[in-house]
Amino acid sequence: MTDKKGHFEKGHWVEEPVAAPAKEESQIDIRIAAATKSVISAMNDLAKVTHDLVATEEGKKYIENTVKETTVQVQKSFDDILARAKAEVDKAKADVSKPPEPKK
């Protein structure tokens, strides 16, 4: 016969396929696998936290407080903007109503 591994099947020699050599994982493959595992874990954690925010009383209170705090900050920002605008308008009115300075 031959040096190749095989067996007889229905009177004929059938060679067994040669197994492909085991692929060595490179450093980049190992790092990509680790990063992928980390991202999947983070996404699972995010899904759990999102569920807790929506489904638990504590989560609902957290969302409510966050919305209230955001509303207060937005209102304060608008108040500051309006106060500055009013000050500029008042300043412009004062400049317009001032009598012109005499020429020397």
PDB file of N, CA and C in Angstrom:
ATOM      1  N   MET A   1       0.826  -1.169   0.000  1.00  0.00           N
ATOM      2  CA  MET A   1       0.000   0.000   0.000  1.00  0.00           C
ATOM      3  C   MET A   1       0.877   1.242   0.000  1.00  0.00           C
ATOM      4  N   THR A   2       0.287   2.355   0.468  1.00  0.00           N
ATOM      5  CA  THR A   2       1.033   3.610   0.488  1.00  0.00           C
ATOM      6  C   THR A   2       1.333   3.983   1.925  1.00  0.00           C
ATOM      7  N   ASP A   3       2.087   5.063   2.077  1.00  0.00           N
ATOM      8  CA  ASP A   3       2.414   5.547   3.422  1.00  0.00           C
ATOM      9  C   ASP A   3       1.259   6.339   4.034  1.00  0.00           C
ATOM     10  N   LYS A   4       0.293   6.648   3.204  1.00  0.00           N
ATOM     11  CA  LYS A   4      -0.820   7.463   3.689  1.00  0.00           C
ATOM     12  C   LYS A   4      -1.806   6.590   4.440  1.00  0.00           C
ATOM     13  N   LYS A   5      -2.435   7.200   5.445  1.00  0.00           N
ATOM     14  CA  LYS A   5      -3.406   6.472   6.234  1.00  0.00           C
ATOM     15  C   LYS A   5      -4.698   6.337   5.447  1.00  0.00           C
ATOM     16  N   GLY A   6      -5.335   5.209   5.652  1.00  0.00           N
ATOM     17  CA  GLY A   6      -6.586   4.975   4.964  1.00  0.00           C
ATOM     18  C   GLY A   6      -7.148   3.628   5.329  1.00  0.00           C
ATOM     19  N   HIS A   7      -8.122   3.187   4.532  1.00  0.00           N
ATOM     20  CA  HIS A   7      -8.746   1.891   4.785  1.00  0.00           C
ATOM     21  C   HIS A   7      -9.370   1.371   3.488  1.00  0.00           C
ATOM     22  N   PHE A   8      -9.625   0.086   3.492  1.00  0.00           N
ATOM     23  CA  PHE A   8     -10.294  -0.503   2.343  1.00  0.00           C
ATOM     24  C   PHE A   8     -11.791  -0.293   2.480  1.00  0.00           C
ATOM     25  N   GLU A   9     -12.372   0.105   1.373  1.00  0.00           N
ATOM     26  CA  GLU A   9     -13.820   0.256   1.341  1.00  0.00           C
ATOM     27  C   GLU A   9     -14.309  -0.313   0.019  1.00  0.00           C
ATOM     28  N   LYS A  10     -15.109  -1.370   0.106  1.00  0.00           N
ATOM     29  CA  LYS A  10     -15.633  -2.058  -1.083  1.00  0.00           C
ATOM     30  C   LYS A  10     -14.511  -2.444  -2.047  1.00  0.00           C
ATOM     31  N   GLY A  11     -13.424  -2.903  -1.460  1.00  0.00           N
ATOM     32  CA  GLY A  11     -12.332  -3.415  -2.268  1.00  0.00           C
ATOM     33  C   GLY A  11     -11.367  -2.351  -2.768  1.00  0.00           C
ATOM     34  N   HIS A  12     -11.553  -1.124  -2.415  1.00  0.00           N
ATOM     35  CA  HIS A  12     -10.659  -0.046  -2.850  1.00  0.00           C
ATOM     36  C   HIS A  12     -10.049   0.647  -1.633  1.00  0.00           C
ATOM     37  N   TRP A  13      -8.817   1.092  -1.819  1.00  0.00           N
ATOM     38  CA  TRP A  13      -8.124   1.809  -0.745  1.00  0.00           C
ATOM     39  C   TRP A  13      -8.617   3.260  -0.727  1.00  0.00           C
ATOM     40  N   VAL A  14      -9.139   3.701   0.422  1.00  0.00           N
ATOM     41  CA  VAL A  14      -9.631   5.071   0.578  1.00  0.00           C
ATOM     42  C   VAL A  14      -8.720   5.768   1.567  1.00  0.00           C
ATOM     43  N   GLU A  15      -8.116   6.861   1.092  1.00  0.00           N
ATOM     44  CA  GLU A  15      -7.208   7.612   1.964  1.00  0.00           C
ATOM     45  C   GLU A  15      -8.014   8.467   2.935  1.00  0.00           C
ATOM     46  N   GLU A  16      -7.542   8.504   4.158  1.00  0.00           N
ATOM     47  CA  GLU A  16      -8.175   9.360   5.155  1.00  0.00           C
ATOM     48  C   GLU A  16      -7.668  10.782   4.943  1.00  0.00           C
ATOM     49  N   PRO A  17      -8.575  11.742   5.066  1.00  0.00           N
ATOM     50  CA  PRO A  17      -8.133  13.125   4.866  1.00  0.00           C
ATOM     51  C   PRO A  17      -7.122  13.519   5.939  1.00  0.00           C
ATOM     52  N   VAL A  18      -6.175  14.315   5.519  1.00  0.00           N
ATOM     53  CA  VAL A  18      -5.153  14.789   6.445  1.00  0.00           C
ATOM     54  C   VAL A  18      -5.756  15.932   7.257  1.00  0.00           C
ATOM     55  N   ALA A  19      -5.641  15.812   8.551  1.00  0.00           N
ATOM     56  CA  ALA A  19      -6.184  16.863   9.415  1.00  0.00           C
ATOM     57  C   ALA A  19      -5.359  18.129   9.245  1.00  0.00           C
ATOM     58  N   ALA A  20      -6.077  19.251   9.168  1.00  0.00           N
ATOM     59  CA  ALA A  20      -5.388  20.541   9.052  1.00  0.00           C
ATOM     60  C   ALA A  20      -4.643  20.801  10.352  1.00  0.00           C
ATOM     61  N   PRO A  21      -3.459  21.364  10.245  1.00  0.00           N
ATOM     62  CA  PRO A  21      -2.714  21.651  11.471  1.00  0.00           C
ATOM     63  C   PRO A  21      -3.476  22.659  12.328  1.00  0.00           C
ATOM     64  N   ALA A  22      -3.385  22.458  13.622  1.00  0.00           N
ATOM     65  CA  ALA A  22      -4.077  23.366  14.542  1.00  0.00           C
ATOM     66  C   ALA A  22      -3.539  24.775  14.368  1.00  0.00           C
ATOM     67  N   LYS A  23      -4.452  25.708  14.236  1.00  0.00           N
ATOM     68  CA  LYS A  23      -4.066  27.094  14.006  1.00  0.00           C
ATOM     69  C   LYS A  23      -3.644  27.709  15.338  1.00  0.00           C
ATOM     70  N   GLU A  24      -2.462  28.269  15.346  1.00  0.00           N
ATOM     71  CA  GLU A  24      -2.002  28.940  16.551  1.00  0.00           C
ATOM     72  C   GLU A  24      -2.652  30.314  16.603  1.00  0.00           C
ATOM     73  N   GLU A  25      -3.138  30.664  17.789  1.00  0.00           N
ATOM     74  CA  GLU A  25      -3.751  31.982  17.929  1.00  0.00           C
ATOM     75  C   GLU A  25      -2.653  33.018  18.097  1.00  0.00           C
ATOM     76  N   SER A  26      -2.741  34.055  17.300  1.00  0.00           N
ATOM     77  CA  SER A  26      -1.759  35.126  17.413  1.00  0.00           C
ATOM     78  C   SER A  26      -2.161  36.046  18.559  1.00  0.00           C
ATOM     79  N   GLN A  27      -1.247  36.891  18.941  1.00  0.00           N
ATOM     80  CA  GLN A  27      -1.515  37.833  20.024  1.00  0.00           C
ATOM     81  C   GLN A  27      -2.713  38.706  19.700  1.00  0.00           C
ATOM     82  N   ILE A  28      -2.822  39.138  18.449  1.00  0.00           N
ATOM     83  CA  ILE A  28      -3.935  40.020  18.077  1.00  0.00           C
ATOM     84  C   ILE A  28      -5.263  39.273  18.177  1.00  0.00           C
ATOM     85  N   ASP A  29      -5.257  37.976  17.796  1.00  0.00           N
ATOM     86  CA  ASP A  29      -6.480  37.179  17.917  1.00  0.00           C
ATOM     87  C   ASP A  29      -6.901  37.050  19.378  1.00  0.00           C
ATOM     88  N   ILE A  30      -5.929  36.853  20.245  1.00  0.00           N
ATOM     89  CA  ILE A  30      -6.210  36.725  21.671  1.00  0.00           C
ATOM     90  C   ILE A  30      -6.768  38.042  22.211  1.00  0.00           C
ATOM     91  N   ARG A  31      -6.163  39.168  21.805  1.00  0.00           N
ATOM     92  CA  ARG A  31      -6.626  40.476  22.279  1.00  0.00           C
ATOM     93  C   ARG A  31      -8.015  40.800  21.739  1.00  0.00           C
ATOM     94  N   ILE A  32      -8.279  40.460  20.482  1.00  0.00           N
ATOM     95  CA  ILE A  32      -9.605  40.700  19.903  1.00  0.00           C
ATOM     96  C   ILE A  32     -10.651  39.872  20.635  1.00  0.00           C
ATOM     97  N   ALA A  33     -10.325  38.627  20.919  1.00  0.00           N
ATOM     98  CA  ALA A  33     -11.261  37.762  21.653  1.00  0.00           C
ATOM     99  C   ALA A  33     -11.542  38.326  23.044  1.00  0.00           C
ATOM    100  N   ALA A  34     -10.519  38.806  23.722  1.00  0.00           N
ATOM    101  CA  ALA A  34     -10.697  39.375  25.063  1.00  0.00           C
ATOM    102  C   ALA A  34     -11.534  40.656  24.999  1.00  0.00           C
ATOM    103  N   ALA A  35     -11.257  41.498  24.010  1.00  0.00           N
ATOM    104  CA  ALA A  35     -12.024  42.740  23.861  1.00  0.00           C
ATOM    105  C   ALA A  35     -13.480  42.434  23.538  1.00  0.00           C
ATOM    106  N   THR A  36     -13.706  41.462  22.678  1.00  0.00           N
ATOM    107  CA  THR A  36     -15.070  41.078  22.316  1.00  0.00           C
ATOM    108  C   THR A  36     -15.819  40.585  23.551  1.00  0.00           C
ATOM    109  N   LYS A  37     -15.166  39.761  24.341  1.00  0.00           N
ATOM    110  CA  LYS A  37     -15.785  39.247  25.569  1.00  0.00           C
ATOM    111  C   LYS A  37     -16.117  40.401  26.513  1.00  0.00           C
ATOM    112  N   SER A  38     -15.217  41.367  26.616  1.00  0.00           N
ATOM    113  CA  SER A  38     -15.428  42.514  27.492  1.00  0.00           C
ATOM    114  C   SER A  38     -16.609  43.367  27.015  1.00  0.00           C
ATOM    115  N   VAL A  39     -16.708  43.589  25.712  1.00  0.00           N
ATOM    116  CA  VAL A  39     -17.807  44.387  25.166  1.00  0.00           C
ATOM    117  C   VAL A  39     -19.142  43.677  25.389  1.00  0.00           C
ATOM    118  N   ILE A  40     -19.178  42.384  25.167  1.00  0.00           N
ATOM    119  CA  ILE A  40     -20.409  41.619  25.382  1.00  0.00           C
ATOM    120  C   ILE A  40     -20.818  41.693  26.853  1.00  0.00           C
ATOM    121  N   SER A  41     -19.856  41.582  27.751  1.00  0.00           N
ATOM    122  CA  SER A  41     -20.141  41.675  29.184  1.00  0.00           C
ATOM    123  C   SER A  41     -20.684  43.063  29.533  1.00  0.00           C
ATOM    124  N   ALA A  42     -20.082  44.110  28.980  1.00  0.00           N
ATOM    125  CA  ALA A  42     -20.544  45.474  29.245  1.00  0.00           C
ATOM    126  C   ALA A  42     -21.956  45.682  28.710  1.00  0.00           C
ATOM    127  N   MET A  43     -22.247  45.151  27.543  1.00  0.00           N
ATOM    128  CA  MET A  43     -23.588  45.288  26.973  1.00  0.00           C
ATOM    129  C   MET A  43     -24.610  44.551  27.839  1.00  0.00           C
ATOM    130  N   ASN A  44     -24.249  43.394  28.354  1.00  0.00           N
ATOM    131  CA  ASN A  44     -25.147  42.663  29.257  1.00  0.00           C
ATOM    132  C   ASN A  44     -25.401  43.464  30.535  1.00  0.00           C
ATOM    133  N   ASP A  45     -24.338  44.063  31.091  1.00  0.00           N
ATOM    134  CA  ASP A  45     -24.488  44.896  32.281  1.00  0.00           C
ATOM    135  C   ASP A  45     -25.388  46.093  32.002  1.00  0.00           C
ATOM    136  N   LEU A  46     -25.203  46.721  30.846  1.00  0.00           N
ATOM    137  CA  LEU A  46     -26.031  47.865  30.460  1.00  0.00           C
ATOM    138  C   LEU A  46     -27.494  47.459  30.334  1.00  0.00           C
ATOM    139  N   ALA A  47     -27.754  46.315  29.756  1.00  0.00           N
ATOM    140  CA  ALA A  47     -29.131  45.834  29.613  1.00  0.00           C
ATOM    141  C   ALA A  47     -29.757  45.594  30.991  1.00  0.00           C
ATOM    142  N   LYS A  48     -28.983  45.037  31.913  1.00  0.00           N
ATOM    143  CA  LYS A  48     -29.497  44.781  33.259  1.00  0.00           C
ATOM    144  C   LYS A  48     -29.812  46.093  33.986  1.00  0.00           C
ATOM    145  N   VAL A  49     -28.907  47.063  33.887  1.00  0.00           N
ATOM    146  CA  VAL A  49     -29.130  48.354  34.538  1.00  0.00           C
ATOM    147  C   VAL A  49     -30.338  49.053  33.927  1.00  0.00           C
ATOM    148  N   THR A  50     -30.449  49.009  32.619  1.00  0.00           N
ATOM    149  CA  THR A  50     -31.597  49.624  31.949  1.00  0.00           C
ATOM    150  C   THR A  50     -32.891  48.983  32.441  1.00  0.00           C
ATOM    151  N   HIS A  51     -32.897  47.687  32.545  1.00  0.00           N
ATOM    152  CA  HIS A  51     -34.079  46.981  33.057  1.00  0.00           C
ATOM    153  C   HIS A  51     -34.399  47.441  34.472  1.00  0.00           C
ATOM    154  N   ASP A  52     -33.365  47.539  35.323  1.00  0.00           N
ATOM    155  CA  ASP A  52     -33.576  47.969  36.704  1.00  0.00           C
ATOM    156  C   ASP A  52     -34.095  49.402  36.779  1.00  0.00           C
ATOM    157  N   LEU A  53     -33.607  50.280  35.896  1.00  0.00           N
ATOM    158  CA  LEU A  53     -34.081  51.660  35.893  1.00  0.00           C
ATOM    159  C   LEU A  53     -35.569  51.738  35.581  1.00  0.00           C
ATOM    160  N   VAL A  54     -36.008  50.904  34.669  1.00  0.00           N
ATOM    161  CA  VAL A  54     -37.394  50.971  34.213  1.00  0.00           C
ATOM    162  C   VAL A  54     -38.318  50.121  35.087  1.00  0.00           C
ATOM    163  N   ALA A  55     -37.821  49.019  35.595  1.00  0.00           N
ATOM    164  CA  ALA A  55     -38.705  48.050  36.241  1.00  0.00           C
ATOM    165  C   ALA A  55     -38.756  48.145  37.769  1.00  0.00           C
ATOM    166  N   THR A  56     -37.820  48.853  38.394  1.00  0.00           N
ATOM    167  CA  THR A  56     -37.830  48.903  39.851  1.00  0.00           C
ATOM    168  C   THR A  56     -38.245  50.286  40.338  1.00  0.00           C
ATOM    169  N   GLU A  57     -38.736  50.337  41.540  1.00  0.00           N
ATOM    170  CA  GLU A  57     -39.150  51.622  42.136  1.00  0.00           C
ATOM    171  C   GLU A  57     -37.938  52.527  42.318  1.00  0.00           C
ATOM    172  N   GLU A  58     -36.822  51.946  42.754  1.00  0.00           N
ATOM    173  CA  GLU A  58     -35.589  52.717  42.929  1.00  0.00           C
ATOM    174  C   GLU A  58     -35.155  53.340  41.598  1.00  0.00           C
ATOM    175  N   GLY A  59     -35.230  52.562  40.527  1.00  0.00           N
ATOM    176  CA  GLY A  59     -34.856  53.059  39.204  1.00  0.00           C
ATOM    177  C   GLY A  59     -35.760  54.182  38.736  1.00  0.00           C
ATOM    178  N   LYS A  60     -37.059  54.034  38.983  1.00  0.00           N
ATOM    179  CA  LYS A  60     -38.014  55.067  38.588  1.00  0.00           C
ATOM    180  C   LYS A  60     -37.753  56.365  39.350  1.00  0.00           C
ATOM    181  N   LYS A  61     -37.429  56.258  40.642  1.00  0.00           N
ATOM    182  CA  LYS A  61     -37.117  57.448  41.434  1.00  0.00           C
ATOM    183  C   LYS A  61     -35.829  58.100  40.933  1.00  0.00           C
ATOM    184  N   TYR A  62     -34.862  57.290  40.555  1.00  0.00           N
ATOM    185  CA  TYR A  62     -33.608  57.818  40.030  1.00  0.00           C
ATOM    186  C   TYR A  62     -33.873  58.630  38.759  1.00  0.00           C
ATOM    187  N   ILE A  63     -34.667  58.067  37.857  1.00  0.00           N
ATOM    188  CA  ILE A  63     -35.000  58.769  36.618  1.00  0.00           C
ATOM    189  C   ILE A  63     -35.750  60.063  36.936  1.00  0.00           C
ATOM    190  N   GLU A  64     -36.712  59.998  37.838  1.00  0.00           N
ATOM    191  CA  GLU A  64     -37.498  61.181  38.198  1.00  0.00           C
ATOM    192  C   GLU A  64     -36.600  62.282  38.767  1.00  0.00           C
ATOM    193  N   ASN A  65     -35.701  61.928  39.669  1.00  0.00           N
ATOM    194  CA  ASN A  65     -34.786  62.913  40.255  1.00  0.00           C
ATOM    195  C   ASN A  65     -33.855  63.505  39.205  1.00  0.00           C
ATOM    196  N   THR A  66     -33.368  62.678  38.309  1.00  0.00           N
ATOM    197  CA  THR A  66     -32.481  63.156  37.251  1.00  0.00           C
ATOM    198  C   THR A  66     -33.205  64.137  36.341  1.00  0.00           C
ATOM    199  N   VAL A  67     -34.449  63.831  35.993  1.00  0.00           N
ATOM    200  CA  VAL A  67     -35.232  64.732  35.142  1.00  0.00           C
ATOM    201  C   VAL A  67     -35.483  66.049  35.870  1.00  0.00           C
ATOM    202  N   LYS A  68     -35.811  65.990  37.158  1.00  0.00           N
ATOM    203  CA  LYS A  68     -36.042  67.210  37.939  1.00  0.00           C
ATOM    204  C   LYS A  68     -34.779  68.069  37.989  1.00  0.00           C
ATOM    205  N   GLU A  69     -33.634  67.451  38.260  1.00  0.00           N
ATOM    206  CA  GLU A  69     -32.372  68.186  38.322  1.00  0.00           C
ATOM    207  C   GLU A  69     -32.034  68.819  36.971  1.00  0.00           C
ATOM    208  N   THR A  70     -32.284  68.094  35.912  1.00  0.00           N
ATOM    209  CA  THR A  70     -32.026  68.616  34.574  1.00  0.00           C
ATOM    210  C   THR A  70     -32.937  69.797  34.276  1.00  0.00           C
ATOM    211  N   THR A  71     -34.201  69.693  34.671  1.00  0.00           N
ATOM    212  CA  THR A  71     -35.157  70.776  34.462  1.00  0.00           C
ATOM    213  C   THR A  71     -34.713  72.030  35.205  1.00  0.00           C
ATOM    214  N   VAL A  72     -34.257  71.873  36.441  1.00  0.00           N
ATOM    215  CA  VAL A  72     -33.780  73.014  37.225  1.00  0.00           C
ATOM    216  C   VAL A  72     -32.578  73.665  36.536  1.00  0.00           C
ATOM    217  N   GLN A  73     -31.642  72.853  36.041  1.00  0.00           N
ATOM    218  CA  GLN A  73     -30.458  73.397  35.371  1.00  0.00           C
ATOM    219  C   GLN A  73     -30.831  74.135  34.080  1.00  0.00           C
ATOM    220  N   VAL A  74     -31.750  73.570  33.316  1.00  0.00           N
ATOM    221  CA  VAL A  74     -32.181  74.221  32.070  1.00  0.00           C
ATOM    222  C   VAL A  74     -32.871  75.543  32.390  1.00  0.00           C
ATOM    223  N   GLN A  75     -33.743  75.556  33.399  1.00  0.00           N
ATOM    224  CA  GLN A  75     -34.442  76.789  33.789  1.00  0.00           C
ATOM    225  C   GLN A  75     -33.439  77.852  34.234  1.00  0.00           C
ATOM    226  N   LYS A  76     -32.436  77.444  35.016  1.00  0.00           N
ATOM    227  CA  LYS A  76     -31.410  78.381  35.475  1.00  0.00           C
ATOM    228  C   LYS A  76     -30.644  78.941  34.282  1.00  0.00           C
ATOM    229  N   SER A  77     -30.319  78.109  33.325  1.00  0.00           N
ATOM    230  CA  SER A  77     -29.591  78.569  32.135  1.00  0.00           C
ATOM    231  C   SER A  77     -30.413  79.588  31.364  1.00  0.00           C
ATOM    232  N   PHE A  78     -31.698  79.312  31.163  1.00  0.00           N
ATOM    233  CA  PHE A  78     -32.558  80.256  30.444  1.00  0.00           C
ATOM    234  C   PHE A  78     -32.705  81.558  31.229  1.00  0.00           C
ATOM    235  N   ASP A  79     -32.848  81.466  32.542  1.00  0.00           N
ATOM    236  CA  ASP A  79     -32.948  82.674  33.361  1.00  0.00           C
ATOM    237  C   ASP A  79     -31.688  83.525  33.227  1.00  0.00           C
ATOM    238  N   ASP A  80     -30.515  82.884  33.237  1.00  0.00           N
ATOM    239  CA  ASP A  80     -29.249  83.607  33.075  1.00  0.00           C
ATOM    240  C   ASP A  80     -29.168  84.277  31.704  1.00  0.00           C
ATOM    241  N   ILE A  81     -29.581  83.557  30.681  1.00  0.00           N
ATOM    242  CA  ILE A  81     -29.554  84.107  29.325  1.00  0.00           C
ATOM    243  C   ILE A  81     -30.489  85.309  29.230  1.00  0.00           C
ATOM    244  N   LEU A  82     -31.694  85.192  29.769  1.00  0.00           N
ATOM    245  CA  LEU A  82     -32.659  86.293  29.721  1.00  0.00           C
ATOM    246  C   LEU A  82     -32.166  87.492  30.524  1.00  0.00           C
ATOM    247  N   ALA A  83     -31.543  87.242  31.681  1.00  0.00           N
ATOM    248  CA  ALA A  83     -31.020  88.345  32.492  1.00  0.00           C
ATOM    249  C   ALA A  83     -29.919  89.088  31.742  1.00  0.00           C
ATOM    250  N   ARG A  84     -29.042  88.382  31.075  1.00  0.00           N
ATOM    251  CA  ARG A  84     -27.976  89.031  30.295  1.00  0.00           C
ATOM    252  C   ARG A  84     -28.559  89.824  29.132  1.00  0.00           C
ATOM    253  N   ALA A  85     -29.544  89.222  28.458  1.00  0.00           N
ATOM    254  CA  ALA A  85     -30.162  89.912  27.330  1.00  0.00           C
ATOM    255  C   ALA A  85     -30.850  91.187  27.807  1.00  0.00           C
ATOM    256  N   LYS A  86     -31.555  91.118  28.941  1.00  0.00           N
ATOM    257  CA  LYS A  86     -32.247  92.289  29.482  1.00  0.00           C
ATOM    258  C   LYS A  86     -31.234  93.366  29.849  1.00  0.00           C
ATOM    259  N   ALA A  87     -30.127  92.988  30.470  1.00  0.00           N
ATOM    260  CA  ALA A  87     -29.089  93.954  30.839  1.00  0.00           C
ATOM    261  C   ALA A  87     -28.528  94.641  29.599  1.00  0.00           C
ATOM    262  N   GLU A  88     -28.318  93.884  28.523  1.00  0.00           N
ATOM    263  CA  GLU A  88     -27.804  94.467  27.281  1.00  0.00           C
ATOM    264  C   GLU A  88     -28.818  95.421  26.662  1.00  0.00           C
ATOM    265  N   VAL A  89     -30.101  95.046  26.699  1.00  0.00           N
ATOM    266  CA  VAL A  89     -31.146  95.924  26.161  1.00  0.00           C
ATOM    267  C   VAL A  89     -31.220  97.208  26.978  1.00  0.00           C
ATOM    268  N   ASP A  90     -31.178  97.084  28.306  1.00  0.00           N
ATOM    269  CA  ASP A  90     -31.218  98.270  29.172  1.00  0.00           C
ATOM    270  C   ASP A  90     -30.011  99.173  28.918  1.00  0.00           C
ATOM    271  N   LYS A  91     -28.861  98.573  28.730  1.00  0.00           N
ATOM    272  CA  LYS A  91     -27.649  99.336  28.453  1.00  0.00           C
ATOM    273  C   LYS A  91     -27.775 100.066  27.113  1.00  0.00           C
ATOM    274  N   ALA A  92     -28.315  99.381  26.108  1.00  0.00           N
ATOM    275  CA  ALA A  92     -28.491 100.000  24.798  1.00  0.00           C
ATOM    276  C   ALA A  92     -29.491 101.150  24.867  1.00  0.00           C
ATOM    277  N   LYS A  93     -30.574 100.987  25.640  1.00  0.00           N
ATOM    278  CA  LYS A  93     -31.569 102.053  25.810  1.00  0.00           C
ATOM    279  C   LYS A  93     -30.934 103.267  26.471  1.00  0.00           C
ATOM    280  N   ALA A  94     -30.121 103.038  27.487  1.00  0.00           N
ATOM    281  CA  ALA A  94     -29.464 104.132  28.197  1.00  0.00           C
ATOM    282  C   ALA A  94     -28.514 104.878  27.268  1.00  0.00           C
ATOM    283  N   ASP A  95     -27.804 104.140  26.424  1.00  0.00           N
ATOM    284  CA  ASP A  95     -26.878 104.774  25.482  1.00  0.00           C
ATOM    285  C   ASP A  95     -27.635 105.614  24.455  1.00  0.00           C
ATOM    286  N   VAL A  96     -28.798 105.158  24.022  1.00  0.00           N
ATOM    287  CA  VAL A  96     -29.579 105.869  23.008  1.00  0.00           C
ATOM    288  C   VAL A  96     -30.202 107.139  23.611  1.00  0.00           C
ATOM    289  N   SER A  97     -30.647 107.086  24.837  1.00  0.00           N
ATOM    290  CA  SER A  97     -31.327 108.237  25.426  1.00  0.00           C
ATOM    291  C   SER A  97     -30.371 109.259  26.020  1.00  0.00           C
ATOM    292  N   LYS A  98     -29.080 109.021  26.029  1.00  0.00           N
ATOM    293  CA  LYS A  98     -28.084 109.960  26.520  1.00  0.00           C
ATOM    294  C   LYS A  98     -27.991 111.136  25.573  1.00  0.00           C
ATOM    295  N   PRO A  99     -27.932 112.349  26.071  1.00  0.00           N
ATOM    296  CA  PRO A  99     -27.734 113.477  25.165  1.00  0.00           C
ATOM    297  C   PRO A  99     -26.329 113.434  24.577  1.00  0.00           C
ATOM    298  N   PRO A 100     -26.174 113.886  23.365  1.00  0.00           N
ATOM    299  CA  PRO A 100     -24.848 113.855  22.731  1.00  0.00           C
ATOM    300  C   PRO A 100     -23.885 114.761  23.480  1.00  0.00           C
ATOM    301  N   GLU A 101     -22.657 114.380  23.505  1.00  0.00           N
ATOM    302  CA  GLU A 101     -21.625 115.170  24.174  1.00  0.00           C
ATOM    303  C   GLU A 101     -21.277 116.372  23.284  1.00  0.00           C
ATOM    304  N   PRO A 102     -21.089 117.531  23.899  1.00  0.00           N
ATOM    305  CA  PRO A 102     -20.738 118.712  23.083  1.00  0.00           C
ATOM    306  C   PRO A 102     -19.365 118.568  22.476  1.00  0.00           C
ATOM    307  N   LYS A 103     -19.232 119.111  21.275  1.00  0.00           N
ATOM    308  CA  LYS A 103     -17.929 119.068  20.578  1.00  0.00           C
ATOM    309  C   LYS A 103     -17.038 120.176  21.096  1.00  0.00           C
ATOM    310  N   LYS A 104     -15.800 119.931  21.191  1.00  0.00           N
ATOM    311  CA  LYS A 104     -14.843 120.920  21.698  1.00  0.00           C
ATOM    312  C   LYS A 104     -14.077 121.537  20.595  1.00  0.00           C
TER     313      LYS A 104
END
